[in-house]
N, C-alpha and C. Protein backbone atom coordinates (compact mmCIF):
# COMPACT_ATOMS: atom_id res chain seq x y z
N UNK A 1 12.66 -25.89 61.79
CA UNK A 1 11.16 -26.33 62.42
C UNK A 1 10.84 -26.07 61.28
N UNK A 2 10.16 -26.88 60.45
CA UNK A 2 9.19 -26.22 59.05
C UNK A 2 7.62 -26.66 59.15
N UNK A 3 7.63 -25.68 58.76
CA UNK A 3 6.03 -24.69 58.47
C UNK A 3 5.49 -25.86 57.92
N UNK A 4 4.79 -26.81 58.39
CA UNK A 4 3.67 -27.60 57.50
C UNK A 4 2.43 -26.26 57.03
N UNK A 5 1.74 -26.77 55.55
CA UNK A 5 0.90 -26.04 54.93
C UNK A 5 -0.42 -26.12 55.43
N UNK A 6 -0.77 -26.84 56.68
CA UNK A 6 -1.83 -27.79 57.48
C UNK A 6 -1.90 -26.62 58.08
N UNK A 7 -0.87 -26.08 58.73
CA UNK A 7 -0.84 -25.23 59.86
C UNK A 7 -0.81 -23.97 59.50
N UNK A 8 -0.35 -23.25 58.31
CA UNK A 8 -0.47 -22.55 57.93
C UNK A 8 -1.86 -22.06 57.60
N UNK A 9 -2.82 -22.88 57.01
CA UNK A 9 -4.23 -22.84 56.85
C UNK A 9 -4.92 -22.44 57.89
N UNK A 10 -4.66 -23.44 58.64
CA UNK A 10 -5.37 -23.52 60.45
C UNK A 10 -5.17 -21.98 60.93
N UNK A 11 -3.87 -21.38 60.83
CA UNK A 11 -3.90 -20.28 61.36
C UNK A 11 -4.51 -19.34 60.19
N UNK A 12 -4.59 -19.37 59.17
CA UNK A 12 -5.26 -18.29 58.35
C UNK A 12 -6.94 -18.41 58.59
N UNK A 13 -7.83 -19.66 59.08
CA UNK A 13 -8.72 -20.23 59.01
C UNK A 13 -9.20 -19.22 60.51
N UNK A 14 -8.41 -19.75 61.44
CA UNK A 14 -8.30 -18.93 62.83
C UNK A 14 -8.63 -17.49 62.97
N UNK A 15 -7.77 -16.91 61.66
CA UNK A 15 -7.72 -15.02 62.12
C UNK A 15 -8.44 -14.66 60.75
N UNK A 16 -9.52 -15.82 59.99
CA UNK A 16 -10.35 -14.83 59.32
C UNK A 16 -11.66 -15.22 60.02
N UNK A 17 -11.91 -16.62 60.78
CA UNK A 17 -12.69 -16.80 61.96
C UNK A 17 -13.22 -15.37 63.10
N UNK A 18 -12.08 -14.95 63.54
CA UNK A 18 -11.78 -14.33 64.69
C UNK A 18 -12.44 -12.49 63.96
N UNK A 19 -11.46 -12.44 63.05
CA UNK A 19 -12.07 -11.28 62.38
C UNK A 19 -13.57 -11.14 62.09
N UNK A 20 -14.26 -12.42 61.50
CA UNK A 20 -15.44 -12.17 61.13
C UNK A 20 -16.29 -12.40 62.64
N UNK A 21 -15.80 -13.08 63.52
CA UNK A 21 -16.53 -12.69 64.84
C UNK A 21 -16.59 -11.21 65.17
N UNK A 22 -15.53 -10.64 65.37
CA UNK A 22 -15.26 -9.30 66.07
C UNK A 22 -16.09 -8.18 64.84
N UNK A 23 -16.27 -8.78 63.84
CA UNK A 23 -16.83 -7.81 63.14
C UNK A 23 -18.50 -7.76 63.06
N UNK A 24 -18.91 -9.36 63.30
CA UNK A 24 -20.48 -9.43 63.54
C UNK A 24 -20.39 -9.04 65.38
N UNK A 25 -19.91 -9.13 66.38
CA UNK A 25 -20.72 -8.53 67.26
C UNK A 25 -20.15 -7.21 68.08
N UNK A 26 -19.24 -6.45 67.16
CA UNK A 26 -18.95 -4.91 67.21
C UNK A 26 -20.67 -4.70 67.52
N UNK A 27 -21.59 -4.51 66.44
CA UNK A 27 -22.74 -3.48 66.65
C UNK A 27 -23.24 -3.87 68.08
N UNK A 28 -23.27 -5.06 68.44
CA UNK A 28 -24.26 -5.41 68.79
C UNK A 28 -23.42 -4.57 70.55
N UNK A 29 -22.25 -4.21 70.97
CA UNK A 29 -22.17 -3.76 71.75
C UNK A 29 -21.62 -2.19 71.47
N UNK A 30 -22.24 -1.29 70.47
CA UNK A 30 -22.19 0.11 70.38
C UNK A 30 -20.96 0.22 69.16
N UNK A 31 -19.87 -0.68 68.90
CA UNK A 31 -19.03 -0.38 68.46
C UNK A 31 -19.31 -0.23 66.71
N UNK A 32 -18.39 -0.01 66.22
CA UNK A 32 -18.18 0.05 64.53
C UNK A 32 -16.75 -0.06 63.95
N UNK A 33 -17.01 -0.67 62.68
CA UNK A 33 -15.80 -0.76 61.99
C UNK A 33 -15.99 -0.26 61.04
N UNK A 34 -15.06 0.49 60.33
CA UNK A 34 -15.47 1.44 59.16
C UNK A 34 -13.86 1.35 58.54
N UNK A 35 -14.54 1.50 57.10
CA UNK A 35 -12.59 1.37 56.58
C UNK A 35 -12.57 2.95 56.19
N UNK A 36 -11.42 3.16 56.35
CA UNK A 36 -10.70 4.22 56.01
C UNK A 36 -10.76 4.69 53.77
N UNK A 37 -11.83 5.39 53.91
CA UNK A 37 -11.84 5.66 52.21
C UNK A 37 -11.12 7.16 51.79
N UNK A 38 -10.72 7.65 52.52
CA UNK A 38 -10.15 9.07 52.24
C UNK A 38 -8.63 9.61 53.08
N UNK A 39 -8.32 10.28 52.12
CA UNK A 39 -6.53 10.98 53.17
C UNK A 39 -6.89 11.73 53.86
N UNK A 40 -7.97 12.44 54.31
CA UNK A 40 -8.29 13.92 54.74
C UNK A 40 -7.51 13.86 56.48
N UNK A 41 -7.14 12.05 57.12
CA UNK A 41 -7.13 12.07 58.45
C UNK A 41 -5.40 11.76 58.77
N UNK A 42 -4.83 11.83 57.43
CA UNK A 42 -3.55 11.22 56.92
C UNK A 42 -2.97 12.15 57.91
N UNK A 43 -1.82 11.92 58.78
CA UNK A 43 -1.01 10.64 58.67
C UNK A 43 -1.83 9.69 60.11
N UNK A 44 -2.62 10.08 60.88
CA UNK A 44 -3.39 9.43 61.81
C UNK A 44 -3.87 8.00 60.88
N UNK A 45 -4.58 8.38 60.65
CA UNK A 45 -5.10 6.95 59.62
C UNK A 45 -5.07 7.44 58.43
N UNK A 46 -5.01 6.48 57.53
CA UNK A 46 -4.89 6.24 56.37
C UNK A 46 -5.83 5.45 55.75
N UNK A 47 -5.77 5.60 53.85
CA UNK A 47 -6.61 5.10 53.24
C UNK A 47 -6.29 3.51 53.08
N UNK A 48 -7.31 2.43 53.47
CA UNK A 48 -6.85 1.19 53.35
C UNK A 48 -6.97 0.46 55.11
N UNK A 49 -6.63 1.72 56.12
CA UNK A 49 -7.14 1.30 57.86
C UNK A 49 -8.34 0.95 57.99
N UNK A 50 -8.56 -0.14 59.19
CA UNK A 50 -9.95 0.00 59.68
C UNK A 50 -9.95 0.35 60.98
N UNK A 51 -10.72 1.80 60.91
CA UNK A 51 -10.96 2.74 62.18
C UNK A 51 -11.89 1.81 63.31
N UNK A 52 -11.54 1.41 64.53
CA UNK A 52 -12.54 0.95 65.24
C UNK A 52 -12.79 1.90 66.32
N UNK A 53 -14.12 2.13 66.04
CA UNK A 53 -14.99 3.49 66.88
C UNK A 53 -15.71 2.90 67.80
N UNK A 54 -15.61 3.03 69.42
CA UNK A 54 -16.10 3.02 70.35
C UNK A 54 -17.46 3.64 70.35
N UNK A 55 -18.29 3.79 71.34
CA UNK A 55 -19.25 4.49 71.45
C UNK A 55 -19.59 5.03 72.37
N UNK A 56 -19.69 6.59 72.25
CA UNK A 56 -19.40 7.69 73.12
C UNK A 56 -20.61 8.56 73.68
N UNK A 57 -20.72 9.09 74.28
CA UNK A 57 -21.87 10.33 74.36
C UNK A 57 -20.95 11.62 74.54
N UNK A 58 -21.46 12.23 73.17
CA UNK A 58 -21.05 13.25 72.41
C UNK A 58 -20.65 14.82 73.91
N UNK A 59 -21.15 14.34 74.87
CA UNK A 59 -20.98 15.34 76.15
C UNK A 59 -19.63 14.77 76.93
N UNK A 60 -19.20 13.52 76.12
CA UNK A 60 -17.99 13.27 77.08
C UNK A 60 -16.66 13.69 76.50
N UNK A 61 -17.02 13.76 75.11
CA UNK A 61 -15.52 13.92 73.98
C UNK A 61 -15.01 15.09 74.44
N UNK A 62 -13.59 14.92 74.40
CA UNK A 62 -12.91 16.15 74.42
C UNK A 62 -12.25 16.88 73.13
N UNK A 63 -11.45 17.86 72.73
CA UNK A 63 -10.81 18.39 72.10
C UNK A 63 -9.24 17.27 72.13
N UNK A 64 -9.22 17.26 70.60
CA UNK A 64 -8.23 16.69 70.06
C UNK A 64 -9.00 14.88 69.81
N UNK A 65 -9.72 14.79 70.32
CA UNK A 65 -10.50 13.48 70.02
C UNK A 65 -10.61 13.36 68.34
N UNK A 66 -10.77 11.88 68.07
CA UNK A 66 -11.38 12.05 66.71
C UNK A 66 -12.93 11.55 66.81
N UNK A 67 -13.49 12.30 66.24
CA UNK A 67 -15.11 11.86 66.58
C UNK A 67 -15.77 11.26 65.08
N UNK A 68 -16.35 10.72 65.27
CA UNK A 68 -16.78 9.95 63.91
C UNK A 68 -18.92 10.52 64.40
N UNK A 69 -19.15 10.91 62.57
CA UNK A 69 -20.18 10.88 62.46
C UNK A 69 -21.07 11.26 61.38
N UNK A 70 -22.44 10.86 61.34
CA UNK A 70 -22.77 11.27 60.03
C UNK A 70 -23.25 12.78 59.88
N UNK A 71 -23.05 13.04 58.20
CA UNK A 71 -23.22 14.51 58.11
C UNK A 71 -24.63 14.55 57.42
N UNK A 72 -24.80 15.94 56.88
CA UNK A 72 -26.33 15.83 56.29
C UNK A 72 -26.91 15.16 55.13
N UNK A 73 -25.58 14.60 54.34
CA UNK A 73 -26.19 13.93 52.99
C UNK A 73 -26.15 12.35 53.26
N UNK A 74 -25.82 11.91 54.38
CA UNK A 74 -25.85 10.78 55.31
C UNK A 74 -24.64 10.31 55.29
N UNK A 75 -23.04 10.29 54.76
CA UNK A 75 -21.95 9.90 54.45
C UNK A 75 -21.31 10.04 55.68
N UNK A 76 -20.80 8.89 56.27
CA UNK A 76 -19.76 8.88 57.95
C UNK A 76 -18.44 9.32 58.06
N UNK A 77 -17.93 10.03 58.54
CA UNK A 77 -16.56 11.12 58.65
C UNK A 77 -16.48 10.58 60.01
N UNK A 78 -15.11 11.17 59.85
CA UNK A 78 -14.24 10.68 60.87
C UNK A 78 -13.11 11.62 61.26
N UNK A 79 -13.31 12.69 61.94
CA UNK A 79 -11.97 14.05 61.50
C UNK A 79 -12.30 14.04 63.14
N UNK A 80 -10.77 14.82 63.48
CA UNK A 80 -10.51 15.67 64.55
C UNK A 80 -11.71 16.68 65.37
N UNK A 81 -11.40 17.16 66.90
CA UNK A 81 -12.57 18.08 67.50
C UNK A 81 -11.67 19.11 67.30
N UNK A 82 -12.16 20.38 66.75
CA UNK A 82 -10.53 21.32 66.88
C UNK A 82 -11.90 22.13 68.38
N UNK A 83 -13.18 22.23 68.31
CA UNK A 83 -13.91 23.10 69.29
C UNK A 83 -15.20 22.41 69.98
N UNK A 84 -15.51 22.81 70.85
CA UNK A 84 -16.76 22.00 71.45
C UNK A 84 -17.39 23.55 71.83
N UNK A 85 -19.01 23.80 71.24
CA UNK A 85 -19.66 24.52 71.71
C UNK A 85 -20.88 24.06 72.84
N UNK A 86 -20.66 23.59 73.84
CA UNK A 86 -21.85 22.93 74.36
C UNK A 86 -22.68 23.59 74.64
N UNK A 87 -23.26 25.03 75.15
CA UNK A 87 -24.81 25.68 74.52
C UNK A 87 -25.13 25.45 73.16
N UNK A 88 -24.54 25.21 72.04
CA UNK A 88 -25.34 25.25 71.23
C UNK A 88 -25.50 22.99 70.57
N UNK A 89 -24.48 22.73 71.67
CA UNK A 89 -24.43 21.23 71.51
C UNK A 89 -24.12 20.64 69.84
N UNK A 90 -22.98 21.58 69.63
CA UNK A 90 -22.21 21.16 68.32
C UNK A 90 -21.09 20.82 68.17
N UNK A 91 -19.72 20.27 67.51
CA UNK A 91 -18.73 20.41 67.56
C UNK A 91 -18.51 21.14 66.11
N UNK A 92 -16.97 21.33 66.59
CA UNK A 92 -17.09 21.93 65.00
C UNK A 92 -15.05 20.90 64.59
N UNK A 93 -15.12 20.32 63.63
CA UNK A 93 -14.07 19.05 63.14
C UNK A 93 -13.56 19.54 62.23
N UNK A 94 -11.58 18.98 62.53
CA UNK A 94 -11.25 19.08 60.60
C UNK A 94 -10.12 17.62 60.38
N UNK A 95 -10.25 17.72 59.44
CA UNK A 95 -9.15 16.56 58.77
C UNK A 95 -7.87 16.87 59.08
N UNK A 96 -7.22 16.44 59.69
CA UNK A 96 -5.88 16.44 60.07
C UNK A 96 -4.93 17.05 58.96
N UNK A 97 -5.13 16.23 57.63
CA UNK A 97 -4.76 16.17 56.61
C UNK A 97 -5.75 17.57 55.78
N UNK A 98 -6.19 18.15 56.00
CA UNK A 98 -7.06 19.40 55.71
C UNK A 98 -6.59 21.12 56.12
N UNK A 99 -6.66 22.09 55.31
CA UNK A 99 -5.79 23.07 55.94
C UNK A 99 -6.72 23.38 56.87
N UNK A 100 -8.36 23.35 56.11
CA UNK A 100 -9.43 24.34 57.00
C UNK A 100 -10.27 23.33 57.81
N UNK A 101 -10.66 23.94 58.93
CA UNK A 101 -11.93 23.17 59.99
C UNK A 101 -13.39 22.76 58.35
N UNK A 102 -14.06 21.85 59.12
CA UNK A 102 -15.32 21.54 58.06
C UNK A 102 -15.87 22.44 57.68
N UNK A 103 -16.50 22.51 57.13
CA UNK A 103 -17.41 23.92 56.62
C UNK A 103 -18.76 24.23 57.44
N UNK A 104 -18.91 23.10 58.37
CA UNK A 104 -20.21 22.65 59.08
C UNK A 104 -19.86 22.39 60.18
N UNK A 105 -20.80 22.89 61.52
CA UNK A 105 -20.63 22.46 62.67
C UNK A 105 -21.59 20.91 62.49
N UNK A 106 -20.87 19.86 63.49
CA UNK A 106 -21.66 19.10 64.11
C UNK A 106 -22.58 18.60 65.30
N UNK A 107 -23.71 18.26 64.67
CA UNK A 107 -24.62 18.63 66.16
C UNK A 107 -24.55 17.48 66.56
N UNK A 108 -24.40 17.55 68.32
CA UNK A 108 -24.55 16.12 68.87
C UNK A 108 -25.11 14.91 68.65
N UNK A 109 -26.53 15.27 68.11
CA UNK A 109 -26.89 13.56 67.70
C UNK A 109 -26.65 13.35 66.64
N UNK A 110 -25.51 14.36 65.83
CA UNK A 110 -24.96 13.52 64.61
C UNK A 110 -23.92 12.43 65.15
N UNK A 111 -23.06 12.62 66.09
CA UNK A 111 -22.19 11.97 66.61
C UNK A 111 -22.76 10.47 66.98
N UNK A 112 -21.40 9.80 66.55
CA UNK A 112 -21.86 7.86 66.25
C UNK A 112 -20.95 7.36 67.44
N UNK A 113 -19.76 8.34 67.76
CA UNK A 113 -18.70 7.71 68.78
C UNK A 113 -17.48 8.51 68.39
N UNK A 114 -16.07 7.86 68.74
CA UNK A 114 -15.22 8.00 68.66
C UNK A 114 -13.77 7.45 68.15
N UNK A 115 -12.73 7.29 67.52
CA UNK A 115 -12.14 6.28 67.30
C UNK A 115 -11.40 5.80 68.51
N UNK A 116 -11.59 4.41 68.50
CA UNK A 116 -10.57 3.87 69.94
C UNK A 116 -9.55 3.64 69.31
N UNK A 117 -9.02 3.12 68.17
CA UNK A 117 -7.62 2.64 67.29
C UNK A 117 -7.74 2.52 65.99
N UNK A 118 -6.78 2.73 65.34
CA UNK A 118 -7.23 1.67 64.26
C UNK A 118 -6.20 0.74 63.66
N UNK A 119 -6.61 -0.30 62.50
CA UNK A 119 -5.66 -0.84 62.04
C UNK A 119 -4.87 -0.93 61.21
N UNK A 120 -3.90 -0.68 60.67
CA UNK A 120 -3.78 -0.52 59.47
C UNK A 120 -3.45 -1.06 58.31
N UNK A 121 -4.11 -1.00 57.32
CA UNK A 121 -4.27 -1.92 56.08
C UNK A 121 -5.47 -3.18 56.27
N UNK A 122 -6.17 -2.84 56.99
CA UNK A 122 -7.10 -4.21 57.31
C UNK A 122 -8.45 -4.03 56.75
N UNK A 123 -8.50 -2.47 56.37
CA UNK A 123 -10.07 -2.19 55.91
C UNK A 123 -9.82 -2.31 54.12
N UNK A 124 -8.63 -2.97 54.07
CA UNK A 124 -8.71 -3.66 52.74
C UNK A 124 -9.29 -5.18 52.50
N UNK A 125 -8.47 -5.43 53.24
CA UNK A 125 -9.12 -6.92 53.25
C UNK A 125 -10.45 -6.77 53.64
N UNK A 126 -11.04 -6.01 54.96
CA UNK A 126 -12.53 -5.85 54.86
C UNK A 126 -13.35 -5.48 53.46
N UNK A 127 -12.64 -4.83 52.92
CA UNK A 127 -13.78 -3.80 51.76
C UNK A 127 -13.71 -5.35 50.54
N UNK A 128 -12.81 -5.77 50.68
CA UNK A 128 -12.62 -7.02 49.33
C UNK A 128 -13.25 -8.24 49.89
N UNK A 129 -13.61 -8.25 51.38
CA UNK A 129 -14.43 -9.01 51.68
C UNK A 129 -16.07 -9.16 51.18
N UNK A 130 -16.40 -7.76 51.47
CA UNK A 130 -17.91 -7.32 51.22
C UNK A 130 -18.37 -7.27 50.51
N UNK A 131 -17.02 -7.34 49.01
CA UNK A 131 -17.43 -7.27 47.66
C UNK A 131 -17.62 -8.63 47.13
N UNK A 132 -18.21 -8.49 46.18
CA UNK A 132 -18.60 -9.89 44.90
C UNK A 132 -17.39 -11.28 45.13
N UNK A 133 -16.41 -10.57 44.85
CA UNK A 133 -15.00 -11.32 45.06
C UNK A 133 -14.58 -12.13 46.28
N UNK A 134 -15.07 -10.61 47.05
CA UNK A 134 -14.83 -11.50 48.51
C UNK A 134 -15.53 -12.39 48.65
N UNK A 135 -17.37 -12.59 48.62
CA UNK A 135 -18.09 -13.84 48.96
C UNK A 135 -17.62 -14.78 48.12
N UNK A 136 -17.22 -14.60 46.91
CA UNK A 136 -17.07 -15.65 46.15
C UNK A 136 -15.59 -16.38 47.47
N UNK A 137 -14.54 -15.68 47.28
CA UNK A 137 -13.90 -16.27 47.53
C UNK A 137 -14.06 -16.91 49.53
N UNK A 138 -14.74 -16.16 50.10
CA UNK A 138 -15.81 -16.93 51.35
C UNK A 138 -16.44 -18.51 51.46
N UNK A 139 -17.07 -18.59 49.71
CA UNK A 139 -17.26 -19.61 49.49
C UNK A 139 -16.62 -21.05 49.57
N UNK A 140 -15.57 -20.06 48.20
CA UNK A 140 -14.46 -20.94 47.56
C UNK A 140 -13.63 -21.73 49.21
N UNK A 141 -13.20 -20.95 49.89
CA UNK A 141 -12.45 -20.97 51.32
C UNK A 141 -13.34 -21.61 51.97
N UNK A 142 -14.56 -21.78 52.51
CA UNK A 142 -15.75 -23.09 52.91
C UNK A 142 -15.66 -24.16 51.97
N UNK A 143 -15.64 -23.78 51.07
CA UNK A 143 -16.06 -25.65 50.17
C UNK A 143 -14.39 -25.93 50.25
N UNK A 144 -13.65 -25.29 49.96
CA UNK A 144 -11.82 -26.19 50.56
C UNK A 144 -11.64 -26.75 51.84
N UNK A 145 -12.25 -26.01 52.93
CA UNK A 145 -11.90 -26.90 54.07
C UNK A 145 -12.91 -27.53 54.09
N UNK A 146 -14.38 -27.60 53.74
CA UNK A 146 -15.00 -29.37 53.84
C UNK A 146 -14.68 -30.15 53.10
N UNK A 147 -14.04 -30.13 51.78
CA UNK A 147 -13.26 -30.97 50.95
C UNK A 147 -12.24 -31.28 51.35
N UNK A 148 -11.34 -30.64 51.53
CA UNK A 148 -10.25 -30.89 52.49
C UNK A 148 -10.20 -31.44 53.77
N UNK A 149 -11.29 -31.38 54.67
CA UNK A 149 -11.60 -32.62 55.69
C UNK A 149 -11.87 -33.95 55.11
N UNK A 150 -12.77 -33.82 54.39
CA UNK A 150 -13.10 -35.30 54.06
C UNK A 150 -12.00 -35.92 53.16
N UNK A 151 -11.22 -35.45 52.42
CA UNK A 151 -10.33 -35.91 51.69
C UNK A 151 -9.54 -36.65 52.69
N UNK A 152 -9.15 -35.81 53.79
CA UNK A 152 -8.24 -36.21 54.81
C UNK A 152 -8.78 -37.34 55.91
N UNK A 153 -9.82 -37.53 55.72
CA UNK A 153 -10.49 -38.72 56.51
C UNK A 153 -10.85 -39.59 56.04
N UNK A 154 -11.02 -39.25 54.46
CA UNK A 154 -10.77 -40.79 53.77
C UNK A 154 -9.57 -41.49 53.88
N UNK A 155 -8.57 -40.63 53.44
CA UNK A 155 -7.07 -41.01 53.41
C UNK A 155 -6.66 -41.57 54.64
N UNK A 156 -6.87 -40.97 55.85
CA UNK A 156 -6.69 -41.33 57.31
C UNK A 156 -7.70 -43.06 57.39
N UNK A 157 -8.22 -43.20 56.49
CA UNK A 157 -9.58 -44.40 57.03
C UNK A 157 -10.45 -43.88 58.12
N UNK A 158 -10.71 -42.06 58.06
CA UNK A 158 -11.58 -42.35 59.17
C UNK A 158 -13.02 -42.25 58.26
N UNK A 159 -13.44 -42.50 57.26
CA UNK A 159 -14.35 -43.08 56.78
C UNK A 159 -14.53 -44.16 56.10
N UNK A 160 -15.69 -45.04 56.83
CA UNK A 160 -15.60 -46.30 57.04
C UNK A 160 -16.96 -47.01 55.90
N UNK A 161 -16.82 -47.28 55.05
CA UNK A 161 -17.84 -48.09 54.90
C UNK A 161 -18.61 -48.47 55.68
N UNK A 162 -20.24 -49.25 55.24
CA UNK A 162 -21.00 -49.78 56.12
C UNK A 162 -20.31 -51.42 56.86
N UNK A 163 -20.48 -51.28 58.20
CA UNK A 163 -20.16 -52.39 58.65
C UNK A 163 -20.90 -53.85 58.40
N UNK A 164 -20.35 -55.17 58.56
CA UNK A 164 -21.24 -56.38 57.99
C UNK A 164 -22.06 -57.04 58.75
N UNK A 165 -23.20 -57.80 58.79
CA UNK A 165 -23.74 -58.09 59.87
C UNK A 165 -24.57 -56.67 60.55
N UNK A 166 -24.95 -55.83 59.48
CA UNK A 166 -25.77 -54.43 59.94
C UNK A 166 -25.72 -53.59 60.93
N UNK A 167 -24.62 -53.78 61.92
CA UNK A 167 -24.41 -52.72 63.04
C UNK A 167 -22.92 -51.84 62.42
């Protein structure tokens, strides 16, 4: 069976639209899509993976969960929970690839959720699409789809000129 290029394009467009829809709808339900940008959680999460974070109350987190939180400098980190201090409402975290625990306790109020799952390599695609070349690619892809459909309609006779008699 021969795969036609048009079908490959349709599958690629469908996959792209599914990714865009997931990215657009995730925040509406409290979910986050984060690109893994460091190797501190390797091998569980590698640079370029996409971490999908579910909303989670800090009180419901458990030892071993990978919590995502904001640090004092505003950066976003996902590390494994090593200890929970309920009375002080803090957690102690550590990157799997790091030798020691993080040098700060994370306040419950800074916890944004926990990693539900990761998608290997998809973060590279997301990073590309968020950059200037990615936007150019999206615009070019859209133009190619519009012009491709118009060309196909003309070639197949779908685009007809005005009828005689004014109708």
